[in-house]
N, C-alpha and C. Protein backbone atom coordinates (compact mmCIF):
# COMPACT_ATOMS: atom_id res chain seq x y z
N MET A 1 38.76 -250.58 -209.60
CA MET A 1 40.18 -250.40 -209.32
C MET A 1 40.73 -249.29 -210.23
N PRO A 2 41.50 -248.36 -209.67
CA PRO A 2 42.04 -247.27 -210.51
C PRO A 2 43.05 -247.79 -211.52
N LYS A 3 43.11 -247.10 -212.65
CA LYS A 3 44.02 -247.49 -213.72
C LYS A 3 45.47 -247.29 -213.27
N PRO A 4 46.32 -248.30 -213.41
CA PRO A 4 47.73 -248.16 -213.02
C PRO A 4 48.42 -247.07 -213.83
N LEU A 5 49.41 -246.44 -213.20
CA LEU A 5 50.12 -245.32 -213.81
C LEU A 5 51.60 -245.65 -213.92
N VAL A 6 52.16 -245.40 -215.10
CA VAL A 6 53.60 -245.51 -215.32
C VAL A 6 54.13 -244.10 -215.57
N VAL A 7 55.00 -243.66 -214.69
CA VAL A 7 55.64 -242.36 -214.84
C VAL A 7 56.99 -242.60 -215.49
N ILE A 8 57.13 -242.11 -216.72
CA ILE A 8 58.39 -242.26 -217.46
C ILE A 8 59.14 -240.95 -217.33
N LEU A 9 60.25 -241.01 -216.59
CA LEU A 9 61.01 -239.81 -216.27
C LEU A 9 62.34 -239.86 -217.02
N MET A 10 62.51 -238.92 -217.94
CA MET A 10 63.75 -238.89 -218.73
C MET A 10 64.63 -237.74 -218.28
N GLY A 11 65.94 -237.95 -218.41
CA GLY A 11 66.90 -236.94 -218.00
C GLY A 11 66.98 -235.75 -218.93
N SER A 12 66.63 -235.96 -220.19
CA SER A 12 66.62 -234.85 -221.15
C SER A 12 65.73 -235.21 -222.32
N LYS A 13 65.36 -234.21 -223.10
CA LYS A 13 64.48 -234.45 -224.24
C LYS A 13 65.16 -235.29 -225.32
N ALA A 14 66.48 -235.42 -225.25
CA ALA A 14 67.21 -236.27 -226.20
C ALA A 14 66.75 -237.73 -226.10
N ASP A 15 66.13 -238.08 -224.98
CA ASP A 15 65.68 -239.45 -224.75
C ASP A 15 64.23 -239.69 -225.17
N ILE A 16 63.60 -238.74 -225.82
CA ILE A 16 62.16 -238.82 -226.12
C ILE A 16 61.81 -240.03 -227.00
N GLU A 17 62.62 -240.35 -227.98
CA GLU A 17 62.31 -241.48 -228.87
C GLU A 17 62.28 -242.80 -228.08
N HIS A 18 63.25 -242.98 -227.23
CA HIS A 18 63.34 -244.17 -226.38
C HIS A 18 62.11 -244.23 -225.45
N CYS A 19 61.76 -243.09 -224.88
CA CYS A 19 60.62 -243.02 -223.95
C CYS A 19 59.29 -243.25 -224.65
N THR A 20 59.17 -242.80 -225.87
CA THR A 20 57.94 -243.02 -226.64
C THR A 20 57.73 -244.51 -226.89
N LYS A 21 58.81 -245.24 -227.12
CA LYS A 21 58.70 -246.69 -227.29
C LYS A 21 58.16 -247.34 -226.01
N ILE A 22 58.64 -246.88 -224.87
CA ILE A 22 58.16 -247.40 -223.58
C ILE A 22 56.69 -247.07 -223.41
N SER A 23 56.33 -245.82 -223.68
CA SER A 23 54.95 -245.36 -223.53
C SER A 23 54.00 -246.14 -224.43
N ASP A 24 54.40 -246.33 -225.68
CA ASP A 24 53.56 -247.09 -226.62
C ASP A 24 53.34 -248.51 -226.12
N ALA A 25 54.40 -249.14 -225.61
CA ALA A 25 54.27 -250.51 -225.10
C ALA A 25 53.38 -250.54 -223.85
N CYS A 26 53.48 -249.53 -223.01
CA CYS A 26 52.60 -249.44 -221.83
C CYS A 26 51.14 -249.36 -222.27
N ASN A 27 50.88 -248.56 -223.29
CA ASN A 27 49.51 -248.40 -223.78
C ASN A 27 48.94 -249.72 -224.29
N GLU A 28 49.78 -250.58 -224.85
CA GLU A 28 49.32 -251.88 -225.33
C GLU A 28 48.80 -252.75 -224.19
N TYR A 29 49.28 -252.51 -222.98
CA TYR A 29 48.79 -253.25 -221.81
C TYR A 29 47.65 -252.49 -221.09
N GLY A 30 47.25 -251.36 -221.65
CA GLY A 30 46.20 -250.58 -221.02
C GLY A 30 46.68 -249.76 -219.84
N LEU A 31 47.98 -249.54 -219.77
CA LEU A 31 48.54 -248.74 -218.69
C LEU A 31 48.60 -247.28 -219.11
N GLU A 32 48.26 -246.39 -218.20
CA GLU A 32 48.43 -244.96 -218.47
C GLU A 32 49.90 -244.62 -218.27
N ALA A 33 50.49 -243.96 -219.24
CA ALA A 33 51.89 -243.56 -219.15
C ALA A 33 52.00 -242.06 -219.34
N VAL A 34 52.78 -241.42 -218.49
CA VAL A 34 53.05 -239.99 -218.62
C VAL A 34 54.54 -239.80 -218.80
N LEU A 35 54.90 -238.85 -219.65
CA LEU A 35 56.30 -238.52 -219.91
C LEU A 35 56.66 -237.24 -219.20
N ARG A 36 57.77 -237.25 -218.49
CA ARG A 36 58.26 -236.05 -217.80
C ARG A 36 59.77 -235.95 -218.00
N ILE A 37 60.30 -234.74 -217.86
CA ILE A 37 61.73 -234.50 -217.99
C ILE A 37 62.24 -233.84 -216.71
N ALA A 38 63.27 -234.44 -216.13
CA ALA A 38 63.92 -233.86 -214.95
C ALA A 38 65.29 -234.51 -214.83
N SER A 39 66.25 -233.78 -214.36
CA SER A 39 67.61 -234.28 -214.24
C SER A 39 68.03 -234.30 -212.77
N ALA A 40 68.54 -235.43 -212.32
CA ALA A 40 69.07 -235.52 -210.96
C ALA A 40 70.31 -234.65 -210.82
N HIS A 41 71.05 -234.48 -211.91
CA HIS A 41 72.27 -233.67 -211.87
C HIS A 41 72.00 -232.18 -212.02
N LYS A 42 71.17 -231.83 -213.00
CA LYS A 42 70.99 -230.42 -213.35
C LYS A 42 69.80 -229.75 -212.67
N THR A 43 68.76 -230.52 -212.37
CA THR A 43 67.55 -229.92 -211.77
C THR A 43 67.02 -230.81 -210.64
N PRO A 44 67.82 -231.07 -209.61
CA PRO A 44 67.36 -231.99 -208.56
C PRO A 44 66.09 -231.52 -207.85
N GLU A 45 65.94 -230.23 -207.64
CA GLU A 45 64.72 -229.74 -206.98
C GLU A 45 63.50 -229.97 -207.86
N HIS A 46 63.64 -229.73 -209.15
CA HIS A 46 62.53 -230.00 -210.08
C HIS A 46 62.22 -231.49 -210.11
N ALA A 47 63.25 -232.32 -210.15
CA ALA A 47 63.04 -233.77 -210.16
C ALA A 47 62.27 -234.21 -208.93
N LEU A 48 62.66 -233.71 -207.77
CA LEU A 48 61.97 -234.07 -206.53
C LEU A 48 60.54 -233.56 -206.53
N SER A 49 60.31 -232.39 -207.09
CA SER A 49 58.96 -231.84 -207.20
C SER A 49 58.07 -232.73 -208.08
N VAL A 50 58.62 -233.19 -209.20
CA VAL A 50 57.87 -234.09 -210.09
C VAL A 50 57.54 -235.38 -209.36
N LEU A 51 58.52 -235.96 -208.69
CA LEU A 51 58.29 -237.21 -207.96
C LEU A 51 57.26 -237.03 -206.86
N ASN A 52 57.36 -235.94 -206.13
CA ASN A 52 56.38 -235.68 -205.06
C ASN A 52 54.97 -235.53 -205.61
N GLU A 53 54.85 -234.93 -206.78
CA GLU A 53 53.53 -234.79 -207.43
C GLU A 53 52.89 -236.15 -207.64
N TYR A 54 53.66 -237.12 -208.14
CA TYR A 54 53.10 -238.43 -208.42
C TYR A 54 52.98 -239.29 -207.16
N GLU A 55 53.84 -239.07 -206.19
CA GLU A 55 53.72 -239.82 -204.94
C GLU A 55 52.42 -239.48 -204.21
N LYS A 56 51.88 -238.30 -204.42
CA LYS A 56 50.60 -237.91 -203.80
C LYS A 56 49.42 -238.60 -204.48
N ASP A 57 49.63 -239.11 -205.67
CA ASP A 57 48.59 -239.81 -206.43
C ASP A 57 48.45 -241.22 -205.85
N ASP A 58 47.25 -241.58 -205.42
CA ASP A 58 47.02 -242.86 -204.74
C ASP A 58 46.98 -244.07 -205.68
N ARG A 59 47.00 -243.82 -206.99
CA ARG A 59 46.94 -244.96 -207.91
C ARG A 59 48.19 -245.82 -207.78
N PRO A 60 48.06 -247.11 -208.10
CA PRO A 60 49.28 -247.94 -208.17
C PRO A 60 50.17 -247.40 -209.28
N LYS A 61 51.46 -247.34 -209.01
CA LYS A 61 52.36 -246.75 -210.01
C LYS A 61 53.70 -247.44 -210.04
N VAL A 62 54.36 -247.29 -211.16
CA VAL A 62 55.73 -247.72 -211.38
C VAL A 62 56.42 -246.55 -212.08
N TYR A 63 57.65 -246.28 -211.69
CA TYR A 63 58.45 -245.26 -212.36
C TYR A 63 59.43 -245.96 -213.28
N ILE A 64 59.54 -245.46 -214.51
CA ILE A 64 60.58 -245.93 -215.43
C ILE A 64 61.47 -244.73 -215.71
N THR A 65 62.74 -244.88 -215.36
CA THR A 65 63.69 -243.78 -215.53
C THR A 65 64.57 -244.04 -216.74
N VAL A 66 64.80 -242.98 -217.50
CA VAL A 66 65.59 -243.08 -218.72
C VAL A 66 66.67 -242.01 -218.67
N ALA A 67 67.89 -242.46 -218.41
CA ALA A 67 69.03 -241.55 -218.38
C ALA A 67 70.27 -242.33 -218.74
N GLY A 68 71.12 -241.73 -219.51
CA GLY A 68 72.35 -242.39 -219.93
C GLY A 68 73.55 -241.81 -219.22
N ARG A 69 74.70 -242.12 -219.76
CA ARG A 69 75.99 -241.69 -219.22
C ARG A 69 76.08 -241.97 -217.74
N SER A 70 75.94 -240.95 -216.92
CA SER A 70 75.99 -241.14 -215.47
C SER A 70 74.56 -241.11 -214.95
N ASN A 71 73.98 -242.28 -214.79
CA ASN A 71 72.56 -242.40 -214.48
C ASN A 71 72.28 -242.22 -212.99
N ALA A 72 72.31 -240.99 -212.53
CA ALA A 72 71.92 -240.71 -211.15
C ALA A 72 70.40 -240.69 -211.01
N LEU A 73 69.70 -240.48 -212.12
CA LEU A 73 68.24 -240.33 -212.06
C LEU A 73 67.55 -241.56 -211.48
N SER A 74 68.00 -242.75 -211.84
CA SER A 74 67.36 -243.96 -211.36
C SER A 74 67.54 -244.13 -209.85
N GLY A 75 68.75 -243.94 -209.36
CA GLY A 75 68.99 -244.05 -207.92
C GLY A 75 68.30 -242.95 -207.14
N PHE A 76 68.35 -241.73 -207.67
CA PHE A 76 67.67 -240.60 -207.04
C PHE A 76 66.18 -240.87 -206.93
N THR A 77 65.59 -241.37 -208.01
CA THR A 77 64.16 -241.67 -208.02
C THR A 77 63.85 -242.78 -207.02
N ASP A 78 64.62 -243.87 -207.07
CA ASP A 78 64.35 -245.00 -206.19
C ASP A 78 64.44 -244.59 -204.72
N GLY A 79 65.37 -243.74 -204.39
CA GLY A 79 65.52 -243.29 -203.01
C GLY A 79 64.46 -242.30 -202.56
N SER A 80 63.67 -241.80 -203.51
CA SER A 80 62.69 -240.75 -203.21
C SER A 80 61.24 -241.23 -203.25
N VAL A 81 60.99 -242.44 -203.72
CA VAL A 81 59.62 -242.91 -203.90
C VAL A 81 59.44 -244.28 -203.24
N SER A 82 58.17 -244.64 -203.02
CA SER A 82 57.88 -245.94 -202.42
C SER A 82 57.53 -246.99 -203.47
N ALA A 83 57.23 -246.57 -204.68
CA ALA A 83 56.84 -247.48 -205.75
C ALA A 83 58.08 -248.07 -206.44
N PRO A 84 57.91 -249.18 -207.16
CA PRO A 84 59.05 -249.76 -207.89
C PRO A 84 59.59 -248.81 -208.97
N VAL A 85 60.89 -248.90 -209.20
CA VAL A 85 61.57 -248.11 -210.22
C VAL A 85 62.27 -249.06 -211.17
N ILE A 86 62.10 -248.80 -212.46
CA ILE A 86 62.78 -249.57 -213.50
C ILE A 86 63.67 -248.61 -214.27
N ALA A 87 64.97 -248.86 -214.27
CA ALA A 87 65.90 -248.07 -215.06
C ALA A 87 65.94 -248.66 -216.46
N CYS A 88 65.74 -247.84 -217.47
CA CYS A 88 65.79 -248.29 -218.86
C CYS A 88 66.65 -247.29 -219.63
N PRO A 89 67.98 -247.37 -219.43
CA PRO A 89 68.86 -246.39 -220.08
C PRO A 89 68.81 -246.51 -221.60
N PRO A 90 68.95 -245.38 -222.29
CA PRO A 90 68.95 -245.43 -223.75
C PRO A 90 70.22 -246.09 -224.26
N PRO A 91 70.13 -246.70 -225.45
CA PRO A 91 71.33 -247.34 -226.00
C PRO A 91 72.42 -246.30 -226.26
N SER A 92 73.66 -246.73 -226.09
CA SER A 92 74.76 -245.80 -226.27
C SER A 92 76.00 -246.54 -226.71
N ASP A 93 76.72 -245.95 -227.64
CA ASP A 93 78.01 -246.49 -228.04
C ASP A 93 79.14 -245.76 -227.32
N SER A 94 78.77 -244.72 -226.56
CA SER A 94 79.79 -243.97 -225.83
C SER A 94 80.50 -244.88 -224.85
N PHE A 95 81.77 -244.68 -224.71
CA PHE A 95 82.58 -245.42 -223.74
C PHE A 95 82.48 -246.93 -223.95
N GLY A 96 82.25 -247.35 -225.20
CA GLY A 96 82.13 -248.77 -225.50
C GLY A 96 80.94 -249.42 -224.82
N GLY A 97 79.92 -248.61 -224.53
CA GLY A 97 78.73 -249.13 -223.86
C GLY A 97 78.88 -249.24 -222.35
N ALA A 98 80.05 -248.87 -221.83
CA ALA A 98 80.32 -249.02 -220.39
C ALA A 98 79.46 -248.10 -219.53
N ASP A 99 78.85 -247.06 -220.12
CA ASP A 99 78.04 -246.16 -219.32
C ASP A 99 76.81 -246.86 -218.73
N VAL A 100 76.45 -248.05 -219.25
CA VAL A 100 75.33 -248.80 -218.68
C VAL A 100 75.63 -249.21 -217.24
N PHE A 101 76.91 -249.30 -216.88
CA PHE A 101 77.26 -249.70 -215.52
C PHE A 101 76.74 -248.72 -214.48
N SER A 102 76.54 -247.46 -214.87
CA SER A 102 76.01 -246.49 -213.90
C SER A 102 74.55 -246.79 -213.55
N SER A 103 73.90 -247.64 -214.36
CA SER A 103 72.54 -248.08 -214.05
C SER A 103 72.54 -249.37 -213.23
N LEU A 104 73.64 -250.08 -213.25
CA LEU A 104 73.70 -251.39 -212.60
C LEU A 104 74.18 -251.33 -211.15
N ARG A 105 75.11 -250.46 -210.86
CA ARG A 105 75.69 -250.41 -209.52
C ARG A 105 75.05 -249.29 -208.73
N MET A 106 74.36 -249.65 -207.66
CA MET A 106 73.68 -248.68 -206.82
C MET A 106 74.12 -248.89 -205.37
N PRO A 107 74.03 -247.84 -204.56
CA PRO A 107 74.39 -248.00 -203.14
C PRO A 107 73.35 -248.86 -202.41
N SER A 108 73.70 -249.33 -201.23
CA SER A 108 72.77 -250.16 -200.46
C SER A 108 71.48 -249.38 -200.21
N GLY A 109 70.37 -250.11 -200.24
CA GLY A 109 69.06 -249.50 -200.01
C GLY A 109 68.46 -248.85 -201.23
N ILE A 110 69.15 -248.88 -202.34
CA ILE A 110 68.66 -248.30 -203.60
C ILE A 110 68.60 -249.45 -204.60
N ALA A 111 67.38 -249.77 -205.10
CA ALA A 111 67.23 -251.01 -205.86
C ALA A 111 66.35 -250.91 -207.09
N PRO A 112 66.68 -250.01 -208.03
CA PRO A 112 65.89 -250.04 -209.27
C PRO A 112 66.24 -251.28 -210.09
N ALA A 113 65.23 -251.84 -210.74
CA ALA A 113 65.48 -252.92 -211.69
C ALA A 113 66.10 -252.27 -212.93
N VAL A 114 66.85 -253.03 -213.69
CA VAL A 114 67.44 -252.51 -214.93
C VAL A 114 66.96 -253.38 -216.09
N VAL A 115 66.31 -252.75 -217.06
CA VAL A 115 65.82 -253.41 -218.26
C VAL A 115 66.24 -252.56 -219.44
N LEU A 116 66.95 -253.14 -220.39
CA LEU A 116 67.51 -252.34 -221.47
C LEU A 116 66.57 -252.13 -222.65
N GLU A 117 65.63 -253.03 -222.88
CA GLU A 117 64.72 -252.89 -224.01
C GLU A 117 63.46 -252.13 -223.59
N PRO A 118 63.07 -251.08 -224.31
CA PRO A 118 61.91 -250.28 -223.93
C PRO A 118 60.62 -251.10 -223.74
N ALA A 119 60.32 -251.99 -224.70
CA ALA A 119 59.09 -252.78 -224.58
C ALA A 119 59.15 -253.72 -223.37
N ASN A 120 60.34 -254.20 -223.04
CA ASN A 120 60.47 -255.08 -221.88
C ASN A 120 60.32 -254.31 -220.57
N ALA A 121 60.70 -253.04 -220.55
CA ALA A 121 60.47 -252.22 -219.35
C ALA A 121 58.97 -252.09 -219.10
N ALA A 122 58.21 -251.88 -220.17
CA ALA A 122 56.75 -251.81 -220.05
C ALA A 122 56.18 -253.15 -219.62
N LEU A 123 56.73 -254.24 -220.14
CA LEU A 123 56.29 -255.58 -219.75
C LEU A 123 56.52 -255.80 -218.26
N LEU A 124 57.68 -255.42 -217.76
CA LEU A 124 57.95 -255.58 -216.33
C LEU A 124 56.97 -254.75 -215.50
N ALA A 125 56.68 -253.55 -215.94
CA ALA A 125 55.69 -252.73 -215.23
C ALA A 125 54.34 -253.44 -215.21
N ALA A 126 53.93 -253.99 -216.35
CA ALA A 126 52.64 -254.71 -216.42
C ALA A 126 52.65 -255.92 -215.50
N LYS A 127 53.77 -256.63 -215.44
CA LYS A 127 53.86 -257.79 -214.54
C LYS A 127 53.79 -257.37 -213.08
N ILE A 128 54.41 -256.25 -212.74
CA ILE A 128 54.35 -255.74 -211.36
C ILE A 128 52.90 -255.43 -211.00
N PHE A 129 52.21 -254.71 -211.87
CA PHE A 129 50.80 -254.40 -211.62
C PHE A 129 49.95 -255.67 -211.62
N GLY A 130 50.33 -256.65 -212.43
CA GLY A 130 49.58 -257.89 -212.54
C GLY A 130 49.55 -258.72 -211.27
N VAL A 131 50.46 -258.48 -210.36
CA VAL A 131 50.46 -259.19 -209.09
C VAL A 131 49.12 -259.00 -208.37
N ALA A 132 48.56 -257.80 -208.49
CA ALA A 132 47.30 -257.48 -207.80
C ALA A 132 46.14 -257.22 -208.76
N ASN A 133 46.34 -257.47 -210.06
CA ASN A 133 45.32 -257.15 -211.04
C ASN A 133 45.18 -258.33 -212.01
N VAL A 134 44.15 -259.15 -211.79
CA VAL A 134 43.96 -260.37 -212.57
C VAL A 134 43.84 -260.08 -214.06
N GLU A 135 43.10 -259.04 -214.41
CA GLU A 135 42.90 -258.71 -215.83
C GLU A 135 44.24 -258.39 -216.51
N LEU A 136 45.05 -257.62 -215.84
CA LEU A 136 46.36 -257.27 -216.41
C LEU A 136 47.26 -258.50 -216.48
N ARG A 137 47.20 -259.35 -215.47
CA ARG A 137 47.98 -260.59 -215.49
C ARG A 137 47.59 -261.44 -216.69
N GLN A 138 46.28 -261.49 -216.99
CA GLN A 138 45.81 -262.26 -218.14
C GLN A 138 46.30 -261.64 -219.46
N GLN A 139 46.36 -260.30 -219.52
CA GLN A 139 46.89 -259.64 -220.72
C GLN A 139 48.36 -260.00 -220.93
N VAL A 140 49.13 -260.01 -219.85
CA VAL A 140 50.55 -260.37 -219.94
C VAL A 140 50.68 -261.81 -220.42
N MET A 141 49.89 -262.70 -219.85
CA MET A 141 49.95 -264.11 -220.25
C MET A 141 49.56 -264.29 -221.71
N ALA A 142 48.56 -263.54 -222.18
CA ALA A 142 48.15 -263.61 -223.58
C ALA A 142 49.27 -263.10 -224.49
N SER A 143 49.95 -262.05 -224.08
CA SER A 143 51.07 -261.51 -224.84
C SER A 143 52.20 -262.53 -224.93
N GLN A 144 52.49 -263.20 -223.81
CA GLN A 144 53.53 -264.22 -223.80
C GLN A 144 53.15 -265.39 -224.71
N LYS A 145 51.87 -265.74 -224.70
CA LYS A 145 51.38 -266.85 -225.54
C LYS A 145 51.54 -266.48 -227.02
N ARG A 146 51.20 -265.22 -227.39
CA ARG A 146 51.37 -264.78 -228.78
C ARG A 146 52.84 -264.86 -229.20
N ALA A 147 53.74 -264.46 -228.31
CA ALA A 147 55.17 -264.50 -228.63
C ALA A 147 55.64 -265.95 -228.81
N ALA A 148 55.14 -266.84 -227.96
CA ALA A 148 55.51 -268.26 -228.08
C ALA A 148 54.96 -268.84 -229.38
N ASN A 149 53.72 -268.52 -229.72
CA ASN A 149 53.12 -269.02 -230.96
C ASN A 149 53.89 -268.53 -232.18
N LYS A 150 54.38 -267.31 -232.12
CA LYS A 150 55.17 -266.76 -233.23
C LYS A 150 56.43 -267.59 -233.46
N ILE A 151 57.07 -268.02 -232.39
CA ILE A 151 58.27 -268.85 -232.51
C ILE A 151 57.91 -270.19 -233.16
N ILE A 152 56.81 -270.79 -232.73
CA ILE A 152 56.37 -272.07 -233.30
C ILE A 152 56.05 -271.91 -234.79
N GLU A 153 55.36 -270.80 -235.15
CA GLU A 153 55.04 -270.53 -236.55
C GLU A 153 56.31 -270.31 -237.36
N ASP A 154 57.25 -269.56 -236.80
CA ASP A 154 58.51 -269.31 -237.51
C ASP A 154 59.28 -270.62 -237.72
N ASP A 155 59.26 -271.48 -236.71
CA ASP A 155 59.94 -272.77 -236.84
C ASP A 155 59.30 -273.59 -237.97
N ALA A 156 57.98 -273.60 -238.00
CA ALA A 156 57.28 -274.35 -239.04
C ALA A 156 57.59 -273.80 -240.44
N SER A 157 57.78 -272.49 -240.51
CA SER A 157 58.02 -271.88 -241.83
C SER A 157 59.41 -272.19 -242.39
N VAL A 158 60.35 -272.57 -241.54
CA VAL A 158 61.69 -272.84 -242.04
C VAL A 158 61.95 -274.32 -242.26
N ARG A 159 61.00 -275.16 -241.93
CA ARG A 159 61.18 -276.61 -242.14
C ARG A 159 60.96 -276.96 -243.57
């Protein structure tokens, strides 16, 4: 079975730190992650070219889009590809955090998932791939078990 691919598409290089966290978490699940930059607002033709490049790749894939303020990138991507899209906007104090709403409200027929934590976006990608990949599903379950054990250990340490 070909290695699953996560295409992390950021609106600008200002989002690189956030995207690196996603990429690192993807690597922990054995997922190949690629970082690309394209803007739905400023470079729509380039964005479509990038998406078309990966759509031609037959591997199972998930797109994770990272754009803040007015997040057209997630909707643009979701409307242009057949694979699942996860919007993971970078944290922002601008507008009292209200800019996250541009990731939440999409027109009909456009349905990216929204996950705010970078590691959790990678986890959702791993779970999506795990539907058809037993080994990856087992990795996700082992990760969840480690997290649960940590809570039990922490509880024991405070008693």
